[in-house]
Amino acid sequence: MSATHPEAVLAAGSFSKAVAITKADSDLDAIPDALYVGSTGNLSLMLADDTSEVSFVGVPAGTVLRVRAKQVRDTGSTADDIVGLFV
């Protein structure tokens, strides 16, 4: 199982790299294995293999979303202090 496969992320006990995410309606430079949400709010994401966005509503501060998002969209997102986590 590769390090970028979703099951590898679920099995991982820790992450080896963290990058601050700036919300934008365009693709990220690299697709993180998970997202840390620092302040409560909504997140509008486009996941790695999708062509349409999905909204996560009311994500609590301190949540780690184990999703591979190619976009953390500014439009529709109210959560802040988002960090991309890499295995």
N, C-alpha and C. Protein backbone atom coordinates (compact mmCIF):
# COMPACT_ATOMS: atom_id res chain seq x y z
N MET A 1 0.86 -1.17 0.00
CA MET A 1 0.00 0.00 0.00
C MET A 1 0.90 1.24 0.00
N SER A 2 0.65 2.14 -0.93
CA SER A 2 1.49 3.33 -1.03
C SER A 2 1.13 4.35 0.05
N ALA A 3 2.05 5.28 0.31
CA ALA A 3 1.84 6.29 1.36
C ALA A 3 0.71 7.25 1.00
N THR A 4 0.36 7.34 -0.29
CA THR A 4 -0.70 8.26 -0.68
C THR A 4 -2.05 7.56 -0.79
N HIS A 5 -2.09 6.28 -0.57
CA HIS A 5 -3.36 5.54 -0.63
C HIS A 5 -4.16 5.84 0.64
N PRO A 6 -5.48 6.03 0.52
CA PRO A 6 -6.29 6.40 1.70
C PRO A 6 -6.13 5.46 2.89
N GLU A 7 -6.02 4.15 2.67
CA GLU A 7 -5.86 3.23 3.79
C GLU A 7 -4.54 3.47 4.52
N ALA A 8 -3.52 3.89 3.78
CA ALA A 8 -2.23 4.20 4.41
C ALA A 8 -2.37 5.40 5.33
N VAL A 9 -3.17 6.38 4.91
CA VAL A 9 -3.38 7.57 5.73
C VAL A 9 -4.12 7.19 7.00
N LEU A 10 -5.14 6.34 6.89
CA LEU A 10 -5.90 5.92 8.06
C LEU A 10 -5.03 5.14 9.03
N ALA A 11 -4.09 4.37 8.51
CA ALA A 11 -3.22 3.56 9.35
C ALA A 11 -2.07 4.36 9.95
N ALA A 12 -1.77 5.50 9.35
CA ALA A 12 -0.63 6.29 9.81
C ALA A 12 -0.90 6.86 11.19
N GLY A 13 0.08 6.74 12.06
CA GLY A 13 -0.06 7.30 13.39
C GLY A 13 0.37 8.75 13.46
N SER A 14 1.14 9.17 12.50
CA SER A 14 1.61 10.56 12.51
C SER A 14 1.87 11.01 11.08
N PHE A 15 2.09 12.30 10.96
CA PHE A 15 2.38 12.89 9.66
C PHE A 15 3.80 13.42 9.68
N SER A 16 4.44 13.47 8.52
CA SER A 16 5.84 13.87 8.46
C SER A 16 6.05 15.29 7.96
N LYS A 17 4.98 15.92 7.46
CA LYS A 17 5.10 17.27 6.91
C LYS A 17 3.78 18.00 7.09
N ALA A 18 3.85 19.29 7.36
CA ALA A 18 2.66 20.13 7.49
C ALA A 18 2.89 21.43 6.72
N VAL A 19 1.85 21.86 6.00
CA VAL A 19 1.94 23.07 5.19
C VAL A 19 0.68 23.90 5.39
N ALA A 20 0.84 25.19 5.67
CA ALA A 20 -0.31 26.09 5.79
C ALA A 20 -1.04 26.14 4.45
N ILE A 21 -2.37 26.07 4.50
CA ILE A 21 -3.20 26.09 3.30
C ILE A 21 -3.87 27.45 3.18
N THR A 22 -3.74 28.06 2.02
CA THR A 22 -4.46 29.28 1.70
C THR A 22 -5.66 28.89 0.86
N LYS A 23 -6.86 29.24 1.33
CA LYS A 23 -8.06 28.91 0.58
C LYS A 23 -8.04 29.65 -0.76
N ALA A 24 -8.37 28.92 -1.82
CA ALA A 24 -8.42 29.50 -3.16
C ALA A 24 -9.30 28.60 -4.03
N ASP A 25 -9.86 29.15 -5.05
CA ASP A 25 -10.71 28.37 -5.96
C ASP A 25 -9.87 27.79 -7.10
N SER A 26 -8.71 27.26 -6.73
CA SER A 26 -7.81 26.64 -7.71
C SER A 26 -7.05 25.51 -7.02
N ASP A 27 -6.37 24.69 -7.81
CA ASP A 27 -5.68 23.52 -7.28
C ASP A 27 -4.52 23.90 -6.37
N LEU A 28 -4.32 23.09 -5.34
CA LEU A 28 -3.16 23.23 -4.46
C LEU A 28 -1.91 22.79 -5.21
N ASP A 29 -0.75 23.21 -4.75
CA ASP A 29 0.52 22.77 -5.36
C ASP A 29 0.74 21.28 -5.17
N ALA A 30 0.33 20.75 -4.03
CA ALA A 30 0.46 19.32 -3.73
C ALA A 30 -0.80 18.89 -2.98
N ILE A 31 -1.20 17.65 -3.16
CA ILE A 31 -2.41 17.14 -2.51
C ILE A 31 -2.04 16.53 -1.16
N PRO A 32 -2.51 17.14 -0.07
CA PRO A 32 -2.20 16.60 1.25
C PRO A 32 -2.99 15.31 1.53
N ASP A 33 -2.51 14.54 2.49
CA ASP A 33 -3.16 13.30 2.89
C ASP A 33 -4.30 13.54 3.87
N ALA A 34 -4.31 14.70 4.51
CA ALA A 34 -5.35 15.07 5.47
C ALA A 34 -5.30 16.58 5.65
N LEU A 35 -6.36 17.12 6.26
CA LEU A 35 -6.42 18.54 6.56
C LEU A 35 -6.72 18.74 8.04
N TYR A 36 -5.95 19.61 8.67
CA TYR A 36 -6.23 20.03 10.04
C TYR A 36 -7.00 21.34 9.96
N VAL A 37 -8.12 21.43 10.68
CA VAL A 37 -8.94 22.64 10.69
C VAL A 37 -8.75 23.32 12.04
N GLY A 38 -8.17 24.52 12.03
CA GLY A 38 -7.84 25.22 13.27
C GLY A 38 -8.96 26.02 13.88
N SER A 39 -9.91 26.48 13.06
CA SER A 39 -11.04 27.23 13.61
C SER A 39 -12.34 26.73 12.98
N THR A 40 -13.37 26.65 13.78
CA THR A 40 -14.66 26.09 13.38
C THR A 40 -15.24 26.81 12.17
N GLY A 41 -15.84 26.05 11.28
CA GLY A 41 -16.52 26.63 10.13
C GLY A 41 -16.82 25.57 9.08
N ASN A 42 -17.24 26.05 7.93
CA ASN A 42 -17.54 25.18 6.80
C ASN A 42 -16.34 25.09 5.88
N LEU A 43 -16.19 23.94 5.23
CA LEU A 43 -15.13 23.76 4.24
C LEU A 43 -15.75 23.30 2.93
N SER A 44 -15.40 23.97 1.87
CA SER A 44 -15.79 23.56 0.53
C SER A 44 -14.53 23.01 -0.13
N LEU A 45 -14.55 21.73 -0.46
CA LEU A 45 -13.38 21.05 -1.00
C LEU A 45 -13.68 20.42 -2.35
N MET A 46 -12.65 20.25 -3.15
CA MET A 46 -12.72 19.37 -4.30
C MET A 46 -11.69 18.28 -4.03
N LEU A 47 -12.19 17.06 -3.89
CA LEU A 47 -11.31 15.95 -3.56
C LEU A 47 -10.51 15.50 -4.78
N ALA A 48 -9.43 14.78 -4.53
CA ALA A 48 -8.44 14.45 -5.54
C ALA A 48 -9.03 13.82 -6.80
N ASP A 49 -9.99 12.94 -6.66
CA ASP A 49 -10.53 12.22 -7.82
C ASP A 49 -11.90 12.72 -8.26
N ASP A 50 -12.33 13.87 -7.74
CA ASP A 50 -13.66 14.39 -8.06
C ASP A 50 -13.58 15.57 -9.03
N THR A 51 -14.71 15.86 -9.66
CA THR A 51 -14.80 17.01 -10.56
C THR A 51 -15.79 18.04 -10.05
N SER A 52 -16.41 17.77 -8.92
CA SER A 52 -17.31 18.75 -8.30
C SER A 52 -16.97 18.87 -6.82
N GLU A 53 -17.34 20.00 -6.24
CA GLU A 53 -16.98 20.26 -4.86
C GLU A 53 -17.94 19.59 -3.89
N VAL A 54 -17.47 19.41 -2.68
CA VAL A 54 -18.27 18.87 -1.60
C VAL A 54 -18.10 19.80 -0.40
N SER A 55 -19.18 20.00 0.36
CA SER A 55 -19.11 20.88 1.53
C SER A 55 -19.16 20.07 2.81
N PHE A 56 -18.27 20.40 3.73
CA PHE A 56 -18.29 19.87 5.09
C PHE A 56 -18.77 21.03 5.95
N VAL A 57 -19.93 20.86 6.56
CA VAL A 57 -20.59 21.95 7.29
C VAL A 57 -20.34 21.81 8.79
N GLY A 58 -19.95 22.92 9.42
CA GLY A 58 -19.77 22.94 10.87
C GLY A 58 -18.62 22.10 11.37
N VAL A 59 -17.50 22.13 10.68
CA VAL A 59 -16.32 21.36 11.10
C VAL A 59 -15.75 22.02 12.36
N PRO A 60 -15.67 21.27 13.47
CA PRO A 60 -15.16 21.85 14.72
C PRO A 60 -13.66 22.16 14.66
N ALA A 61 -13.24 23.17 15.38
CA ALA A 61 -11.81 23.48 15.51
C ALA A 61 -11.09 22.26 16.06
N GLY A 62 -9.91 22.00 15.53
CA GLY A 62 -9.10 20.89 16.01
C GLY A 62 -9.35 19.58 15.28
N THR A 63 -10.23 19.60 14.29
CA THR A 63 -10.56 18.39 13.53
C THR A 63 -9.48 18.08 12.50
N VAL A 64 -9.16 16.80 12.36
CA VAL A 64 -8.32 16.33 11.26
C VAL A 64 -9.24 15.57 10.31
N LEU A 65 -9.42 16.12 9.12
CA LEU A 65 -10.21 15.46 8.09
C LEU A 65 -9.29 14.60 7.25
N ARG A 66 -9.54 13.32 7.24
CA ARG A 66 -8.69 12.39 6.48
C ARG A 66 -9.21 12.31 5.05
N VAL A 67 -9.04 13.41 4.33
CA VAL A 67 -9.44 13.53 2.93
C VAL A 67 -8.26 14.03 2.12
N ARG A 68 -8.21 13.65 0.84
CA ARG A 68 -7.19 14.13 -0.07
C ARG A 68 -7.83 15.17 -0.98
N ALA A 69 -7.66 16.43 -0.65
CA ALA A 69 -8.30 17.52 -1.39
C ALA A 69 -7.31 18.19 -2.33
N LYS A 70 -7.74 18.34 -3.59
CA LYS A 70 -6.89 19.08 -4.54
C LYS A 70 -7.20 20.57 -4.49
N GLN A 71 -8.39 20.92 -3.92
CA GLN A 71 -8.75 22.33 -3.73
C GLN A 71 -9.38 22.50 -2.36
N VAL A 72 -8.95 23.54 -1.66
CA VAL A 72 -9.64 24.03 -0.46
C VAL A 72 -10.19 25.37 -0.90
N ARG A 73 -11.46 25.37 -1.26
CA ARG A 73 -12.06 26.51 -1.96
C ARG A 73 -12.34 27.68 -1.02
N ASP A 74 -12.04 28.86 -1.50
CA ASP A 74 -12.35 30.08 -0.76
C ASP A 74 -13.86 30.31 -0.76
N THR A 75 -14.47 30.09 -1.92
CA THR A 75 -15.91 30.23 -2.05
C THR A 75 -16.60 29.11 -1.26
N GLY A 76 -17.39 29.48 -0.28
CA GLY A 76 -18.12 28.50 0.51
C GLY A 76 -17.42 28.02 1.76
N SER A 77 -16.18 28.42 1.96
CA SER A 77 -15.44 28.01 3.16
C SER A 77 -15.39 29.14 4.17
N THR A 78 -15.74 28.82 5.42
CA THR A 78 -15.66 29.81 6.49
C THR A 78 -14.64 29.41 7.56
N ALA A 79 -14.21 28.15 7.56
CA ALA A 79 -13.19 27.69 8.50
C ALA A 79 -11.85 28.34 8.13
N ASP A 80 -11.00 28.53 9.14
CA ASP A 80 -9.69 29.12 8.92
C ASP A 80 -8.60 28.30 9.61
N ASP A 81 -7.36 28.76 9.46
CA ASP A 81 -6.21 28.11 10.08
C ASP A 81 -6.13 26.64 9.65
N ILE A 82 -6.15 26.44 8.34
CA ILE A 82 -6.15 25.10 7.76
C ILE A 82 -4.72 24.71 7.42
N VAL A 83 -4.38 23.48 7.78
CA VAL A 83 -3.03 22.96 7.56
C VAL A 83 -3.13 21.66 6.79
N GLY A 84 -2.36 21.54 5.70
CA GLY A 84 -2.28 20.29 4.96
C GLY A 84 -1.25 19.38 5.63
N LEU A 85 -1.64 18.13 5.84
CA LEU A 85 -0.78 17.15 6.51
C LEU A 85 -0.38 16.07 5.50
N PHE A 86 0.89 15.71 5.54
CA PHE A 86 1.43 14.71 4.61
C PHE A 86 2.07 13.56 5.37
N VAL A 87 1.82 12.34 4.90
CA VAL A 87 2.40 11.14 5.53
C VAL A 87 3.85 11.06 5.13
